[in-house]
């Protein structure tokens, strides 16, 4: 995350995961990502369209979290 924001100078990082994948959700939330919504029928996996949660981390959010921590 630090590399993405500090070196690459990105403003936003996005990640998507299947709602049933509690481990991925935990990793994203621990890293400071915030859930922004549900992407219905986002990806076709093994022939089945799957919903996904969309998570994002914005550069300002990360700086604010580091200051609090």
PDB file of N, CA and C in Angstrom:
ATOM      1  N   UNK A   1       0.833  -1.186   0.000  1.00  0.00           N
ATOM      2  CA  UNK A   1       0.000   0.000   0.000  1.00  0.00           C
ATOM      3  C   UNK A   1       0.876   1.247   0.000  1.00  0.00           C
ATOM      4  N   UNK A   2       1.881   1.239   0.846  1.00  0.00           N
ATOM      5  CA  UNK A   2       2.787   2.391   0.907  1.00  0.00           C
ATOM      6  C   UNK A   2       3.440   2.637  -0.452  1.00  0.00           C
ATOM      7  N   UNK A   3       3.884   1.560  -1.114  1.00  0.00           N
ATOM      8  CA  UNK A   3       4.504   1.682  -2.440  1.00  0.00           C
ATOM      9  C   UNK A   3       3.516   2.282  -3.443  1.00  0.00           C
ATOM     10  N   UNK A   4       2.283   1.815  -3.408  1.00  0.00           N
ATOM     11  CA  UNK A   4       1.269   2.302  -4.349  1.00  0.00           C
ATOM     12  C   UNK A   4       1.026   3.799  -4.184  1.00  0.00           C
ATOM     13  N   UNK A   5       0.935   4.245  -2.938  1.00  0.00           N
ATOM     14  CA  UNK A   5       0.639   5.652  -2.701  1.00  0.00           C
ATOM     15  C   UNK A   5       1.879   6.543  -2.742  1.00  0.00           C
ATOM     16  N   UNK A   6       2.968   6.110  -2.133  1.00  0.00           N
ATOM     17  CA  UNK A   6       4.152   6.966  -2.030  1.00  0.00           C
ATOM     18  C   UNK A   6       5.025   6.938  -3.277  1.00  0.00           C
ATOM     19  N   UNK A   7       5.271   5.756  -3.830  1.00  0.00           N
ATOM     20  CA  UNK A   7       6.161   5.648  -4.983  1.00  0.00           C
ATOM     21  C   UNK A   7       5.413   5.828  -6.299  1.00  0.00           C
ATOM     22  N   UNK A   8       4.325   5.087  -6.466  1.00  0.00           N
ATOM     23  CA  UNK A   8       3.561   5.189  -7.711  1.00  0.00           C
ATOM     24  C   UNK A   8       2.647   6.407  -7.743  1.00  0.00           C
ATOM     25  N   UNK A   9       2.446   7.024  -6.569  1.00  0.00           N
ATOM     26  CA  UNK A   9       1.613   8.224  -6.452  1.00  0.00           C
ATOM     27  C   UNK A   9       0.164   7.975  -6.881  1.00  0.00           C
ATOM     28  N   UNK A  10      -0.338   6.752  -6.605  1.00  0.00           N
ATOM     29  CA  UNK A  10      -1.734   6.451  -6.901  1.00  0.00           C
ATOM     30  C   UNK A  10      -2.631   7.168  -5.905  1.00  0.00           C
ATOM     31  N   UNK A  11      -3.819   7.482  -6.353  1.00  0.00           N
ATOM     32  CA  UNK A  11      -4.794   8.134  -5.485  1.00  0.00           C
ATOM     33  C   UNK A  11      -5.747   7.118  -4.850  1.00  0.00           C
ATOM     34  N   UNK A  12      -5.972   6.000  -5.555  1.00  0.00           N
ATOM     35  CA  UNK A  12      -6.998   5.043  -5.138  1.00  0.00           C
ATOM     36  C   UNK A  12      -6.574   3.627  -5.513  1.00  0.00           C
ATOM     37  N   UNK A  13      -6.838   2.691  -4.589  1.00  0.00           N
ATOM     38  CA  UNK A  13      -6.640   1.271  -4.847  1.00  0.00           C
ATOM     39  C   UNK A  13      -7.987   0.588  -4.636  1.00  0.00           C
ATOM     40  N   UNK A  14      -8.367  -0.273  -5.574  1.00  0.00           N
ATOM     41  CA  UNK A  14      -9.626  -1.002  -5.454  1.00  0.00           C
ATOM     42  C   UNK A  14      -9.363  -2.498  -5.366  1.00  0.00           C
ATOM     43  N   UNK A  15     -10.265  -3.193  -4.687  1.00  0.00           N
ATOM     44  CA  UNK A  15     -10.227  -4.647  -4.609  1.00  0.00           C
ATOM     45  C   UNK A  15     -11.657  -5.154  -4.572  1.00  0.00           C
ATOM     46  N   UNK A  16     -11.860  -6.320  -5.161  1.00  0.00           N
ATOM     47  CA  UNK A  16     -13.188  -6.938  -5.143  1.00  0.00           C
ATOM     48  C   UNK A  16     -13.052  -8.356  -4.632  1.00  0.00           C
ATOM     49  N   UNK A  17     -14.066  -8.789  -3.890  1.00  0.00           N
ATOM     50  CA  UNK A  17     -14.058 -10.171  -3.411  1.00  0.00           C
ATOM     51  C   UNK A  17     -15.490 -10.684  -3.316  1.00  0.00           C
ATOM     52  N   UNK A  18     -15.596 -11.994  -3.388  1.00  0.00           N
ATOM     53  CA  UNK A  18     -16.897 -12.652  -3.286  1.00  0.00           C
ATOM     54  C   UNK A  18     -17.425 -12.484  -1.855  1.00  0.00           C
ATOM     55  N   UNK A  19     -18.696 -12.144  -1.698  1.00  0.00           N
ATOM     56  CA  UNK A  19     -19.247 -11.908  -0.360  1.00  0.00           C
ATOM     57  C   UNK A  19     -19.081 -13.070   0.628  1.00  0.00           C
ATOM     58  N   UNK A  20     -19.005 -14.294   0.141  1.00  0.00           N
ATOM     59  CA  UNK A  20     -18.830 -15.452   1.032  1.00  0.00           C
ATOM     60  C   UNK A  20     -17.390 -15.619   1.509  1.00  0.00           C
ATOM     61  N   UNK A  21     -16.451 -14.894   0.920  1.00  0.00           N
ATOM     62  CA  UNK A  21     -15.039 -15.073   1.241  1.00  0.00           C
ATOM     63  C   UNK A  21     -14.662 -14.219   2.457  1.00  0.00           C
ATOM     64  N   UNK A  22     -14.989 -14.716   3.619  1.00  0.00           N
ATOM     65  CA  UNK A  22     -14.784 -13.950   4.851  1.00  0.00           C
ATOM     66  C   UNK A  22     -13.309 -13.676   5.126  1.00  0.00           C
ATOM     67  N   UNK A  23     -12.426 -14.570   4.710  1.00  0.00           N
ATOM     68  CA  UNK A  23     -10.992 -14.346   4.936  1.00  0.00           C
ATOM     69  C   UNK A  23     -10.484 -13.169   4.117  1.00  0.00           C
ATOM     70  N   UNK A  24     -10.905 -13.078   2.864  1.00  0.00           N
ATOM     71  CA  UNK A  24     -10.494 -11.939   2.039  1.00  0.00           C
ATOM     72  C   UNK A  24     -11.057 -10.634   2.580  1.00  0.00           C
ATOM     73  N   UNK A  25     -12.296 -10.673   3.029  1.00  0.00           N
ATOM     74  CA  UNK A  25     -12.921  -9.486   3.608  1.00  0.00           C
ATOM     75  C   UNK A  25     -12.122  -9.026   4.822  1.00  0.00           C
ATOM     76  N   UNK A  26     -11.738  -9.966   5.669  1.00  0.00           N
ATOM     77  CA  UNK A  26     -10.966  -9.625   6.873  1.00  0.00           C
ATOM     78  C   UNK A  26      -9.629  -8.989   6.510  1.00  0.00           C
ATOM     79  N   UNK A  27      -8.932  -9.548   5.528  1.00  0.00           N
ATOM     80  CA  UNK A  27      -7.641  -8.996   5.107  1.00  0.00           C
ATOM     81  C   UNK A  27      -7.808  -7.570   4.594  1.00  0.00           C
ATOM     82  N   UNK A  28      -8.801  -7.353   3.744  1.00  0.00           N
ATOM     83  CA  UNK A  28      -9.023  -6.018   3.188  1.00  0.00           C
ATOM     84  C   UNK A  28      -9.358  -5.008   4.286  1.00  0.00           C
ATOM     85  N   UNK A  29     -10.244  -5.372   5.185  1.00  0.00           N
ATOM     86  CA  UNK A  29     -10.640  -4.441   6.240  1.00  0.00           C
ATOM     87  C   UNK A  29      -9.501  -4.172   7.212  1.00  0.00           C
ATOM     88  N   UNK A  30      -8.690  -5.183   7.510  1.00  0.00           N
ATOM     89  CA  UNK A  30      -7.529  -4.976   8.378  1.00  0.00           C
ATOM     90  C   UNK A  30      -6.517  -4.036   7.737  1.00  0.00           C
ATOM     91  N   UNK A  31      -6.438  -4.064   6.405  1.00  0.00           N
ATOM     92  CA  UNK A  31      -5.507  -3.204   5.673  1.00  0.00           C
ATOM     93  C   UNK A  31      -6.047  -1.780   5.521  1.00  0.00           C
ATOM     94  N   UNK A  32      -7.277  -1.545   5.995  1.00  0.00           N
ATOM     95  CA  UNK A  32      -7.838  -0.202   5.948  1.00  0.00           C
ATOM     96  C   UNK A  32      -8.783   0.060   4.794  1.00  0.00           C
ATOM     97  N   UNK A  33      -9.038  -0.955   3.970  1.00  0.00           N
ATOM     98  CA  UNK A  33      -9.979  -0.783   2.869  1.00  0.00           C
ATOM     99  C   UNK A  33     -11.394  -0.629   3.416  1.00  0.00           C
ATOM    100  N   UNK A  34     -12.193   0.141   2.716  1.00  0.00           N
ATOM    101  CA  UNK A  34     -13.592   0.340   3.106  1.00  0.00           C
ATOM    102  C   UNK A  34     -14.503  -0.239   2.036  1.00  0.00           C
ATOM    103  N   UNK A  35     -15.548  -0.926   2.484  1.00  0.00           N
ATOM    104  CA  UNK A  35     -16.510  -1.482   1.533  1.00  0.00           C
ATOM    105  C   UNK A  35     -17.338  -0.348   0.936  1.00  0.00           C
ATOM    106  N   UNK A  36     -17.416  -0.330  -0.384  1.00  0.00           N
ATOM    107  CA  UNK A  36     -18.162   0.729  -1.070  1.00  0.00           C
ATOM    108  C   UNK A  36     -19.456   0.245  -1.689  1.00  0.00           C
ATOM    109  N   UNK A  37     -19.575  -1.046  -1.894  1.00  0.00           N
ATOM    110  CA  UNK A  37     -20.824  -1.510  -2.479  1.00  0.00           C
ATOM    111  C   UNK A  37     -20.756  -2.934  -2.975  1.00  0.00           C
ATOM    112  N   UNK A  38     -21.838  -3.347  -3.589  1.00  0.00           N
ATOM    113  CA  UNK A  38     -21.977  -4.680  -4.145  1.00  0.00           C
ATOM    114  C   UNK A  38     -22.015  -4.568  -5.661  1.00  0.00           C
ATOM    115  N   UNK A  39     -21.135  -5.324  -6.309  1.00  0.00           N
ATOM    116  CA  UNK A  39     -21.117  -5.393  -7.773  1.00  0.00           C
ATOM    117  C   UNK A  39     -21.866  -6.659  -8.166  1.00  0.00           C
ATOM    118  N   UNK A  40     -23.068  -6.488  -8.676  1.00  0.00           N
ATOM    119  CA  UNK A  40     -23.894  -7.647  -9.020  1.00  0.00           C
ATOM    120  C   UNK A  40     -23.389  -8.290 -10.310  1.00  0.00           C
ATOM    121  N   UNK A  41     -23.309  -9.611 -10.306  1.00  0.00           N
ATOM    122  CA  UNK A  41     -22.857 -10.386 -11.471  1.00  0.00           C
ATOM    123  C   UNK A  41     -21.579  -9.789 -12.058  1.00  0.00           C
ATOM    124  N   UNK A  42     -20.592  -9.573 -11.218  1.00  0.00           N
ATOM    125  CA  UNK A  42     -19.367  -8.865 -11.595  1.00  0.00           C
ATOM    126  C   UNK A  42     -18.415  -9.705 -12.437  1.00  0.00           C
ATOM    127  N   UNK A  43     -18.187 -10.959 -12.025  1.00  0.00           N
ATOM    128  CA  UNK A  43     -17.270 -11.831 -12.761  1.00  0.00           C
ATOM    129  C   UNK A  43     -17.906 -13.200 -12.966  1.00  0.00           C
ATOM    130  N   UNK A  44     -17.584 -13.796 -14.101  1.00  0.00           N
ATOM    131  CA  UNK A  44     -18.044 -15.153 -14.368  1.00  0.00           C
ATOM    132  C   UNK A  44     -16.944 -16.117 -13.926  1.00  0.00           C
ATOM    133  N   UNK A  45     -17.248 -16.926 -12.946  1.00  0.00           N
ATOM    134  CA  UNK A  45     -16.289 -17.877 -12.384  1.00  0.00           C
ATOM    135  C   UNK A  45     -16.860 -19.281 -12.552  1.00  0.00           C
ATOM    136  N   UNK A  46     -16.116 -20.123 -13.253  1.00  0.00           N
ATOM    137  CA  UNK A  46     -16.571 -21.493 -13.531  1.00  0.00           C
ATOM    138  C   UNK A  46     -17.965 -21.517 -14.148  1.00  0.00           C
ATOM    139  N   UNK A  47     -18.221 -20.577 -15.045  1.00  0.00           N
ATOM    140  CA  UNK A  47     -19.488 -20.537 -15.767  1.00  0.00           C
ATOM    141  C   UNK A  47     -20.640 -19.904 -15.018  1.00  0.00           C
ATOM    142  N   UNK A  48     -20.390 -19.388 -13.805  1.00  0.00           N
ATOM    143  CA  UNK A  48     -21.458 -18.784 -12.996  1.00  0.00           C
ATOM    144  C   UNK A  48     -21.103 -17.332 -12.704  1.00  0.00           C
ATOM    145  N   UNK A  49     -22.046 -16.427 -12.962  1.00  0.00           N
ATOM    146  CA  UNK A  49     -21.819 -15.012 -12.651  1.00  0.00           C
ATOM    147  C   UNK A  49     -21.881 -14.824 -11.145  1.00  0.00           C
ATOM    148  N   UNK A  50     -20.850 -14.216 -10.585  1.00  0.00           N
ATOM    149  CA  UNK A  50     -20.728 -14.054  -9.139  1.00  0.00           C
ATOM    150  C   UNK A  50     -20.796 -12.577  -8.744  1.00  0.00           C
ATOM    151  N   UNK A  51     -21.546 -12.291  -7.680  1.00  0.00           N
ATOM    152  CA  UNK A  51     -21.531 -10.963  -7.078  1.00  0.00           C
ATOM    153  C   UNK A  51     -20.201 -10.764  -6.365  1.00  0.00           C
ATOM    154  N   UNK A  52     -19.784  -9.511  -6.225  1.00  0.00           N
ATOM    155  CA  UNK A  52     -18.563  -9.176  -5.495  1.00  0.00           C
ATOM    156  C   UNK A  52     -18.802  -7.915  -4.677  1.00  0.00           C
ATOM    157  N   UNK A  53     -18.134  -7.848  -3.542  1.00  0.00           N
ATOM    158  CA  UNK A  53     -18.071  -6.606  -2.800  1.00  0.00           C
ATOM    159  C   UNK A  53     -16.924  -5.785  -3.380  1.00  0.00           C
ATOM    160  N   UNK A  54     -17.142  -4.485  -3.507  1.00  0.00           N
ATOM    161  CA  UNK A  54     -16.091  -3.582  -3.939  1.00  0.00           C
ATOM    162  C   UNK A  54     -15.534  -2.860  -2.721  1.00  0.00           C
ATOM    163  N   UNK A  55     -14.220  -2.930  -2.569  1.00  0.00           N
ATOM    164  CA  UNK A  55     -13.510  -2.234  -1.500  1.00  0.00           C
ATOM    165  C   UNK A  55     -12.560  -1.234  -2.127  1.00  0.00           C
ATOM    166  N   UNK A  56     -12.291  -0.150  -1.412  1.00  0.00           N
ATOM    167  CA  UNK A  56     -11.343   0.842  -1.905  1.00  0.00           C
ATOM    168  C   UNK A  56     -10.573   1.454  -0.747  1.00  0.00           C
ATOM    169  N   UNK A  57      -9.383   1.897  -1.096  1.00  0.00           N
ATOM    170  CA  UNK A  57      -8.530   2.619  -0.165  1.00  0.00           C
ATOM    171  C   UNK A  57      -8.051   3.852  -0.901  1.00  0.00           C
ATOM    172  N   UNK A  58      -8.298   5.017  -0.331  1.00  0.00           N
ATOM    173  CA  UNK A  58      -7.919   6.285  -0.948  1.00  0.00           C
ATOM    174  C   UNK A  58      -6.734   6.848  -0.176  1.00  0.00           C
ATOM    175  N   UNK A  59      -5.812   7.472  -0.882  1.00  0.00           N
ATOM    176  CA  UNK A  59      -4.555   7.942  -0.283  1.00  0.00           C
ATOM    177  C   UNK A  59      -4.807   8.739   0.992  1.00  0.00           C
ATOM    178  N   UNK A  60      -5.721   9.646   1.004  1.00  0.00           N
ATOM    179  CA  UNK A  60      -6.010  10.445   2.191  1.00  0.00           C
ATOM    180  C   UNK A  60      -6.507   9.608   3.348  1.00  0.00           C
ATOM    181  N   UNK A  61      -7.301   8.575   3.057  1.00  0.00           N
ATOM    182  CA  UNK A  61      -7.783   7.682   4.109  1.00  0.00           C
ATOM    183  C   UNK A  61      -6.628   6.985   4.787  1.00  0.00           C
ATOM    184  N   UNK A  62      -5.672   6.525   4.010  1.00  0.00           N
ATOM    185  CA  UNK A  62      -4.527   5.812   4.555  1.00  0.00           C
ATOM    186  C   UNK A  62      -3.687   6.732   5.427  1.00  0.00           C
ATOM    187  N   UNK A  63      -3.446   7.936   5.002  1.00  0.00           N
ATOM    188  CA  UNK A  63      -2.658   8.884   5.815  1.00  0.00           C
ATOM    189  C   UNK A  63      -3.376   9.163   7.130  1.00  0.00           C
ATOM    190  N   UNK A  64      -4.684   9.346   7.082  1.00  0.00           N
ATOM    191  CA  UNK A  64      -5.437   9.612   8.290  1.00  0.00           C
ATOM    192  C   UNK A  64      -5.373   8.417   9.241  1.00  0.00           C
ATOM    193  N   UNK A  65      -5.424   7.213   8.707  1.00  0.00           N
ATOM    194  CA  UNK A  65      -5.360   6.026   9.549  1.00  0.00           C
ATOM    195  C   UNK A  65      -3.991   5.890  10.194  1.00  0.00           C
ATOM    196  N   UNK A  66      -2.928   6.197   9.454  1.00  0.00           N
ATOM    197  CA  UNK A  66      -1.578   6.121  10.005  1.00  0.00           C
ATOM    198  C   UNK A  66      -1.383   7.138  11.131  1.00  0.00           C
ATOM    199  N   UNK A  67      -1.966   8.313  10.976  1.00  0.00           N
ATOM    200  CA  UNK A  67      -1.851   9.333  12.008  1.00  0.00           C
ATOM    201  C   UNK A  67      -2.561   8.910  13.279  1.00  0.00           C
ATOM    202  N   UNK A  68      -3.699   8.208  13.137  1.00  0.00           N
ATOM    203  CA  UNK A  68      -4.453   7.734  14.302  1.00  0.00           C
ATOM    204  C   UNK A  68      -3.735   6.588  14.980  1.00  0.00           C
ATOM    205  N   UNK A  69      -3.091   5.701  14.172  1.00  0.00           N
ATOM    206  CA  UNK A  69      -2.465   4.489  14.715  1.00  0.00           C
ATOM    207  C   UNK A  69      -1.180   4.784  15.354  1.00  0.00           C
TER     208      UNK A  69
END
